[in-house]
C-alpha atoms as a PDB file:
ATOM      1  CA  MET A   1      51.999-102.808 -64.567  1.00  0.00           C
ATOM      2  CA  THR A   2      52.363-105.705 -62.099  1.00  0.00           C
ATOM      3  CA  ALA A   3      53.044-109.051 -63.533  1.00  0.00           C
ATOM      4  CA  LYS A   4      49.470-109.662 -62.060  1.00  0.00           C
ATOM      5  CA  GLU A   5      48.342-106.788 -64.250  1.00  0.00           C
ATOM      6  CA  ILE A   6      49.618-107.931 -67.468  1.00  0.00           C
ATOM      7  CA  LYS A   7      48.102-111.513 -66.938  1.00  0.00           C
ATOM      8  CA  GLU A   8      44.423-110.310 -66.362  1.00  0.00           C
ATOM      9  CA  ASN A   9      45.165-107.850 -69.604  1.00  0.00           C
ATOM     10  CA  ASN A  10      46.156-110.524 -71.150  1.00  0.00           C
ATOM     11  CA  ARG A  11      43.696-113.371 -70.058  1.00  0.00           C
ATOM     12  CA  LYS A  12      41.054-109.830 -71.082  1.00  0.00           C
ATOM     13  CA  ARG A  13      42.249-109.943 -74.778  1.00  0.00           C
ATOM     14  CA  LEU A  14      41.970-113.938 -74.808  1.00  0.00           C
ATOM     15  CA  GLU A  15      38.636-113.680 -73.895  1.00  0.00           C
ATOM     16  CA  SER A  16      37.662-110.924 -75.958  1.00  0.00           C
ATOM     17  CA  LYS A  17      39.205-112.598 -79.280  1.00  0.00           C
ATOM     18  CA  ARG A  18      37.358-116.326 -78.905  1.00  0.00           C
ATOM     19  CA  ASN A  19      34.031-114.311 -78.349  1.00  0.00           C
ATOM     20  CA  GLN A  20      34.839-112.715 -81.641  1.00  0.00           C
ATOM     21  CA  LEU A  21      35.546-116.117 -82.923  1.00  0.00           C
ATOM     22  CA  ALA A  22      32.361-117.607 -81.727  1.00  0.00           C
ATOM     23  CA  SER A  23      30.256-114.573 -83.113  1.00  0.00           C
ATOM     24  CA  GLY A  24      32.178-115.744 -85.976  1.00  0.00           C
ATOM     25  CA  ILE A  25      31.694-119.248 -85.708  1.00  0.00           C
ATOM     26  CA  ASP A  26      27.496-118.912 -84.945  1.00  0.00           C
ATOM     27  CA  THR A  27      27.575-115.998 -88.734  1.00  0.00           C
ATOM     28  CA  ALA A  28      29.496-118.964 -91.029  1.00  0.00           C
ATOM     29  CA  LYS A  29      26.743-121.720 -89.568  1.00  0.00           C
ATOM     30  CA  ASN A  30      23.845-119.415 -90.093  1.00  0.00           C
ATOM     31  CA  VAL A  31      25.055-119.199 -93.243  1.00  0.00           C
ATOM     32  CA  GLN A  32      25.182-122.360 -94.196  1.00  0.00           C
ATOM     33  CA  GLN A  33      21.497-123.111 -92.994  1.00  0.00           C
ATOM     34  CA  MET A  34      20.520-120.377 -95.082  1.00  0.00           C
ATOM     35  CA  VAL A  35      22.819-122.208 -97.717  1.00  0.00           C
ATOM     36  CA  ASP A  36      21.488-125.627 -97.406  1.00  0.00           C
ATOM     37  CA  SER A  37      17.515-124.875 -97.286  1.00  0.00           C
ATOM     38  CA  PHE A  38      18.049-122.500-100.842  1.00  0.00           C
ATOM     39  CA  LYS A  39      19.252-126.509-101.858  1.00  0.00           C
ATOM     40  CA  THR A  40      16.585-127.980-100.547  1.00  0.00           C
ATOM     41  CA  LEU A  41      14.295-125.219-102.121  1.00  0.00           C
ATOM     42  CA  THR A  42      15.759-125.688-105.241  1.00  0.00           C
ATOM     43  CA  LYS A  43      15.611-129.475-105.185  1.00  0.00           C
ATOM     44  CA  GLU A  44      11.601-129.495-105.077  1.00  0.00           C
ATOM     45  CA  LEU A  45      10.906-126.887-107.747  1.00  0.00           C
ATOM     46  CA  ASP A  46      13.236-129.301-109.458  1.00  0.00           C
ATOM     47  CA  LYS A  47      11.137-132.430-108.382  1.00  0.00           C
ATOM     48  CA  SER A  48       7.477-130.041-109.535  1.00  0.00           C
ATOM     49  CA  GLN A  49       9.073-128.874-112.572  1.00  0.00           C
ATOM     50  CA  LYS A  50       9.468-132.439-113.778  1.00  0.00           C
ATOM     51  CA  THR A  51       6.218-133.584-112.356  1.00  0.00           C
ATOM     52  CA  MET A  52       4.022-130.754-113.702  1.00  0.00           C
ATOM     53  CA  GLU A  53       5.903-130.929-117.023  1.00  0.00           C
ATOM     54  CA  ALA A  54       4.358-134.605-116.665  1.00  0.00           C
ATOM     55  CA  ILE A  55       0.944-133.337-115.975  1.00  0.00           C
ATOM     56  CA  ILE A  56       0.629-131.350-119.226  1.00  0.00           C
ATOM     57  CA  LYS A  57       1.401-134.007-121.380  1.00  0.00           C
ATOM     58  CA  THR A  58      -1.117-136.189-120.331  1.00  0.00           C
ATOM     59  CA  ILE A  59      -3.317-133.411-119.976  1.00  0.00           C
ATOM     60  CA  SER A  60      -2.429-132.388-123.643  1.00  0.00           C
ATOM     61  CA  ASN A  61      -2.728-136.427-124.907  1.00  0.00           C
ATOM     62  CA  ALA A  62      -6.001-137.563-123.591  1.00  0.00           C
ATOM     63  CA  LYS A  63      -8.986-137.642-125.733  1.00  0.00           C
ATOM     64  CA  SER A  64     -10.714-135.704-122.864  1.00  0.00           C
ATOM     65  CA  PRO A  65      -8.880-133.442-120.901  1.00  0.00           C
ATOM     66  CA  GLU A  66     -11.484-132.086-118.258  1.00  0.00           C
ATOM     67  CA  VAL A  67     -11.853-135.298-116.503  1.00  0.00           C
ATOM     68  CA  VAL A  68      -7.292-136.338-116.471  1.00  0.00           C
ATOM     69  CA  ALA A  69      -7.220-132.980-115.051  1.00  0.00           C
ATOM     70  CA  SER A  70      -9.918-133.924-112.721  1.00  0.00           C
ATOM     71  CA  LYS A  71      -8.240-136.007-111.183  1.00  0.00           C
ATOM     72  CA  VAL A  72      -4.725-135.217-110.670  1.00  0.00           C
ATOM     73  CA  ASN A  73      -4.500-133.804-107.448  1.00  0.00           C
ATOM     74  CA  LEU A  74      -2.380-130.514-107.844  1.00  0.00           C
ATOM     75  CA  LYS A  75      -2.038-130.349-103.258  1.00  0.00           C
ATOM     76  CA  PRO A  76       0.721-132.620-102.675  1.00  0.00           C
ATOM     77  CA  ILE A  77       3.003-130.938-105.488  1.00  0.00           C
ATOM     78  CA  ALA A  78       2.235-126.943-103.999  1.00  0.00           C
ATOM     79  CA  ASP A  79       2.712-128.022-100.057  1.00  0.00           C
ATOM     80  CA  SER A  80       6.409-129.798-101.260  1.00  0.00           C
ATOM     81  CA  ILE A  81       6.820-126.031-102.433  1.00  0.00           C
ATOM     82  CA  GLN A  82       5.502-124.504 -99.317  1.00  0.00           C
ATOM     83  CA  ASP A  83       7.653-126.736 -97.184  1.00  0.00           C
ATOM     84  CA  ALA A  84      10.438-125.754 -99.095  1.00  0.00           C
ATOM     85  CA  PHE A  85      10.258-121.975 -98.208  1.00  0.00           C
ATOM     86  CA  ASN A  86       9.344-122.358 -95.010  1.00  0.00           C
ATOM     87  CA  SER A  87      12.324-124.101 -94.115  1.00  0.00           C
ATOM     88  CA  ILE A  88      14.611-121.135 -95.179  1.00  0.00           C
ATOM     89  CA  ASP A  89      15.283-118.621 -92.454  1.00  0.00           C
ATOM     90  CA  PHE A  90      15.294-115.559 -94.632  1.00  0.00           C
ATOM     91  CA  ARG A  91      16.728-113.417 -91.441  1.00  0.00           C
ATOM     92  CA  PRO A  92      19.329-115.438 -89.936  1.00  0.00           C
ATOM     93  CA  VAL A  93      20.809-114.277 -86.782  1.00  0.00           C
ATOM     94  CA  VAL A  94      23.885-112.828 -86.702  1.00  0.00           C
ATOM     95  CA  ASN A  95      25.200-112.044 -83.185  1.00  0.00           C
ATOM     96  CA  VAL A  96      28.125-109.987 -82.740  1.00  0.00           C
ATOM     97  CA  ALA A  97      29.828-108.598 -79.909  1.00  0.00           C
ATOM     98  CA  ALA A  98      29.317-105.123 -79.261  1.00  0.00           C
ATOM     99  CA  PRO A  99      32.971-102.691 -78.870  1.00  0.00           C
ATOM    100  CA  LYS A 100      33.984-101.410 -75.193  1.00  0.00           C
ATOM    101  CA  VAL A 101      34.595 -97.795 -76.051  1.00  0.00           C
ATOM    102  CA  THR A 102      35.720 -95.758 -72.868  1.00  0.00           C
ATOM    103  CA  VAL A 103      35.197 -92.385 -72.968  1.00  0.00           C
ATOM    104  CA  PRO A 104      38.411 -90.813 -70.845  1.00  0.00           C
ATOM    105  CA  LYS A 105      37.473 -88.240 -68.715  1.00  0.00           C
ATOM    106  CA  LEU A 106      39.479 -84.907 -69.582  1.00  0.00           C
ATOM    107  CA  ASP A 107      40.333 -82.169 -67.353  1.00  0.00           C
ATOM    108  CA  LEU A 108      38.861 -78.289 -69.095  1.00  0.00           C
ATOM    109  CA  GLN A 109      39.154 -77.009 -66.222  1.00  0.00           C
ATOM    110  CA  PRO A 110      43.436 -75.480 -67.871  1.00  0.00           C
ATOM    111  CA  LEU A 111      41.282 -74.483 -71.407  1.00  0.00           C
ATOM    112  CA  ILE A 112      38.525 -73.114 -69.565  1.00  0.00           C
ATOM    113  CA  ASP A 113      40.704 -70.399 -67.867  1.00  0.00           C
ATOM    114  CA  VAL A 114      43.118 -69.542 -70.557  1.00  0.00           C
ATOM    115  CA  MET A 115      39.606 -69.333 -73.111  1.00  0.00           C
ATOM    116  CA  SER A 116      38.399 -66.777 -70.313  1.00  0.00           C
ATOM    117  CA  GLU A 117      41.920 -65.396 -69.069  1.00  0.00           C
ATOM    118  CA  LYS A 118      41.625 -65.560 -65.961  1.00  0.00           C
ATOM    119  CA  GLU A 119      43.981 -63.535 -63.768  1.00  0.00           C
ATOM    120  CA  ILE A 120      45.819 -65.378 -60.839  1.00  0.00           C
ATOM    121  CA  GLN A 121      45.431 -63.531 -57.527  1.00  0.00           C
ATOM    122  CA  VAL A 122      48.199 -63.821 -54.660  1.00  0.00           C
ATOM    123  CA  GLU A 123      49.005 -62.519 -51.618  1.00  0.00           C
ATOM    124  CA  VAL A 124      52.201 -63.062 -49.361  1.00  0.00           C
ATOM    125  CA  GLU A 125      52.925 -60.898 -46.825  1.00  0.00           C
ATOM    126  CA  LEU A 126      56.362 -60.184 -47.435  1.00  0.00           C
ATOM    127  CA  GLU A 127      56.553 -57.770 -43.791  1.00  0.00           C
ATOM    128  CA  ASP A 128      55.757 -61.887 -41.945  1.00  0.00           C
ATOM    129  CA  PHE A 129      59.118 -63.153 -42.960  1.00  0.00           C
ATOM    130  CA  ARG A 130      62.085 -61.993 -40.144  1.00  0.00           C
ATOM    131  CA  ALA A 131      65.367 -61.990 -41.687  1.00  0.00           C
ATOM    132  CA  GLN A 132      67.344 -65.077 -41.048  1.00  0.00           C
ATOM    133  CA  ASP A 133      70.918 -65.645 -42.919  1.00  0.00           C
ATOM    134  CA  ILE A 134      73.373 -63.702 -44.751  1.00  0.00           C
ATOM    135  CA  ASN A 135      75.788 -65.766 -47.114  1.00  0.00           C
ATOM    136  CA  ASN A 136      78.278 -63.405 -48.188  1.00  0.00           C
ATOM    137  CA  GLU A 137      81.089 -66.619 -49.817  1.00  0.00           C
ATOM    138  CA  GLU A 138      80.341 -65.824 -53.509  1.00  0.00           C
ATOM    139  CA  ILE A 139      82.209 -62.254 -54.653  1.00  0.00           C
ATOM    140  CA  GLY A 140      79.329 -59.482 -55.806  1.00  0.00           C
ATOM    141  CA  VAL A 141      76.524 -61.079 -54.547  1.00  0.00           C
ATOM    142  CA  GLN A 142      74.442 -61.418 -50.911  1.00  0.00           C
ATOM    143  CA  TYR A 143      72.223 -64.333 -49.833  1.00  0.00           C
ATOM    144  CA  ILE A 144      69.781 -63.035 -47.406  1.00  0.00           C
ATOM    145  CA  GLY A 145      67.083 -65.556 -45.843  1.00  0.00           C
ATOM    146  CA  PHE A 146      63.888 -65.090 -45.039  1.00  0.00           C
ATOM    147  CA  VAL A 147      61.975 -67.640 -42.758  1.00  0.00           C
ATOM    148  CA  HIS A 148      57.575 -67.415 -42.230  1.00  0.00           C
ATOM    149  CA  PRO A 149      56.260 -68.466 -38.539  1.00  0.00           C
ATOM    150  CA  SER A 150      55.321 -71.476 -40.960  1.00  0.00           C
ATOM    151  CA  GLY A 151      58.010 -72.808 -41.777  1.00  0.00           C
ATOM    152  CA  ALA A 152      57.593 -70.637 -45.610  1.00  0.00           C
ATOM    153  CA  TRP A 153      60.843 -68.872 -46.011  1.00  0.00           C
ATOM    154  CA  TYR A 154      62.061 -66.490 -48.989  1.00  0.00           C
ATOM    155  CA  ILE A 155      66.356 -66.300 -50.470  1.00  0.00           C
ATOM    156  CA  ILE A 156      67.058 -62.675 -51.901  1.00  0.00           C
ATOM    157  CA  LYS A 157      70.037 -63.038 -54.103  1.00  0.00           C
ATOM    158  CA  ASN A 158      71.865 -59.617 -53.951  1.00  0.00           C
ATOM    159  CA  GLU A 159      73.563 -58.237 -57.131  1.00  0.00           C
ATOM    160  CA  VAL A 160      76.056 -55.958 -54.952  1.00  0.00           C
ATOM    161  CA  GLU A 161      77.452 -54.468 -58.745  1.00  0.00           C
ATOM    162  CA  LYS A 162      74.704 -55.303 -60.834  1.00  0.00           C
ATOM    163  CA  ASP A 163      72.464 -53.530 -58.198  1.00  0.00           C
ATOM    164  CA  LYS A 164      69.665 -56.084 -59.352  1.00  0.00           C
ATOM    165  CA  MET A 165      67.276 -58.200 -57.150  1.00  0.00           C
ATOM    166  CA  ARG A 166      66.390 -61.622 -57.506  1.00  0.00           C
ATOM    167  CA  TYR A 167      63.698 -64.316 -55.470  1.00  0.00           C
ATOM    168  CA  LYS A 168      63.215 -67.714 -54.300  1.00  0.00           C
ATOM    169  CA  PHE A 169      60.135 -68.724 -52.489  1.00  0.00           C
ATOM    170  CA  GLY A 170      60.220 -72.427 -50.827  1.00  0.00           C
ATOM    171  CA  LYS A 171      57.237 -73.967 -47.975  1.00  0.00           C
ATOM    172  CA  SER A 172      59.791 -75.713 -45.914  1.00  0.00           C
ATOM    173  CA  ASP A 173      63.166 -77.731 -45.862  1.00  0.00           C
ATOM    174  CA  TYR A 174      64.688 -73.653 -45.348  1.00  0.00           C
ATOM    175  CA  GLU A 175      67.871 -74.522 -44.338  1.00  0.00           C
ATOM    176  CA  LYS A 176      68.221 -77.688 -46.464  1.00  0.00           C
ATOM    177  CA  PHE A 177      68.157 -74.465 -49.166  1.00  0.00           C
ATOM    178  CA  PHE A 178      70.042 -72.060 -47.348  1.00  0.00           C
ATOM    179  CA  ALA A 179      73.038 -73.883 -47.029  1.00  0.00           C
ATOM    180  CA  ALA A 180      73.377 -74.268 -50.435  1.00  0.00           C
ATOM    181  CA  PRO A 181      71.734 -71.130 -52.137  1.00  0.00           C
ATOM    182  CA  ASP A 182      73.801 -70.527 -55.387  1.00  0.00           C
ATOM    183  CA  THR A 183      72.618 -74.234 -56.925  1.00  0.00           C
ATOM    184  CA  TYR A 184      68.928 -72.695 -57.341  1.00  0.00           C
ATOM    185  CA  GLU A 185      67.427 -70.079 -59.856  1.00  0.00           C
ATOM    186  CA  TYR A 186      66.162 -66.860 -58.479  1.00  0.00           C
ATOM    187  CA  THR A 187      63.418 -64.686 -60.188  1.00  0.00           C
ATOM    188  CA  THR A 188      62.323 -61.678 -60.130  1.00  0.00           C
ATOM    189  CA  LEU A 189      59.715 -61.026 -57.280  1.00  0.00           C
ATOM    190  CA  ASP A 190      55.529 -61.245 -58.919  1.00  0.00           C
ATOM    191  CA  ARG A 191      57.577 -64.616 -61.063  1.00  0.00           C
ATOM    192  CA  ALA A 192      58.671 -65.983 -57.631  1.00  0.00           C
ATOM    193  CA  ILE A 193      55.761 -65.726 -55.910  1.00  0.00           C
ATOM    194  CA  TYR A 194      53.460 -66.743 -58.853  1.00  0.00           C
ATOM    195  CA  GLU A 195      55.384 -70.289 -58.682  1.00  0.00           C
ATOM    196  CA  ILE A 196      55.155 -70.764 -54.980  1.00  0.00           C
ATOM    197  CA  GLN A 197      51.411 -70.773 -54.926  1.00  0.00           C
ATOM    198  CA  THR A 198      50.618 -72.630 -58.432  1.00  0.00           C
END
């Protein structure tokens, strides 16, 4: 990762943290506003209770309660309580940033191949290769190089005393490989063909 990419990633992380902090501050403000509104309502209810108690006391002590009650205006009390209720926001807006979710792209083809037990068919026309070199430097082992017109090649490792032949295939740079044939791993023909095709 380059310094520029690291700097950009740090900037994005900082911006994300800043947005989260701002969201938290907004939430705290909304909650505080609700608390303040409830305090106002509590004060209004307390004042209204005292006023109502005074009215009840006045009516109870009056000689003609009906006349006293008719002169008492209860509308201001009701309005003050209603205003206090209206000032409360029972549904404060809470802004929460949606998380960013990155779904990785999955390559399911290998799994499909295994589940379906797909057989890989490999076709190599060995008769199109021509013998190129023979190396007898190693005792008991003979290396024979074959080259295709396209530049592809294969080398046979012939272990004379063990009557065993193993193969190594390649797509290019034949001379480089045949210059040191004993430094590579050789396998059976079918496995060697499979490896070069995959």
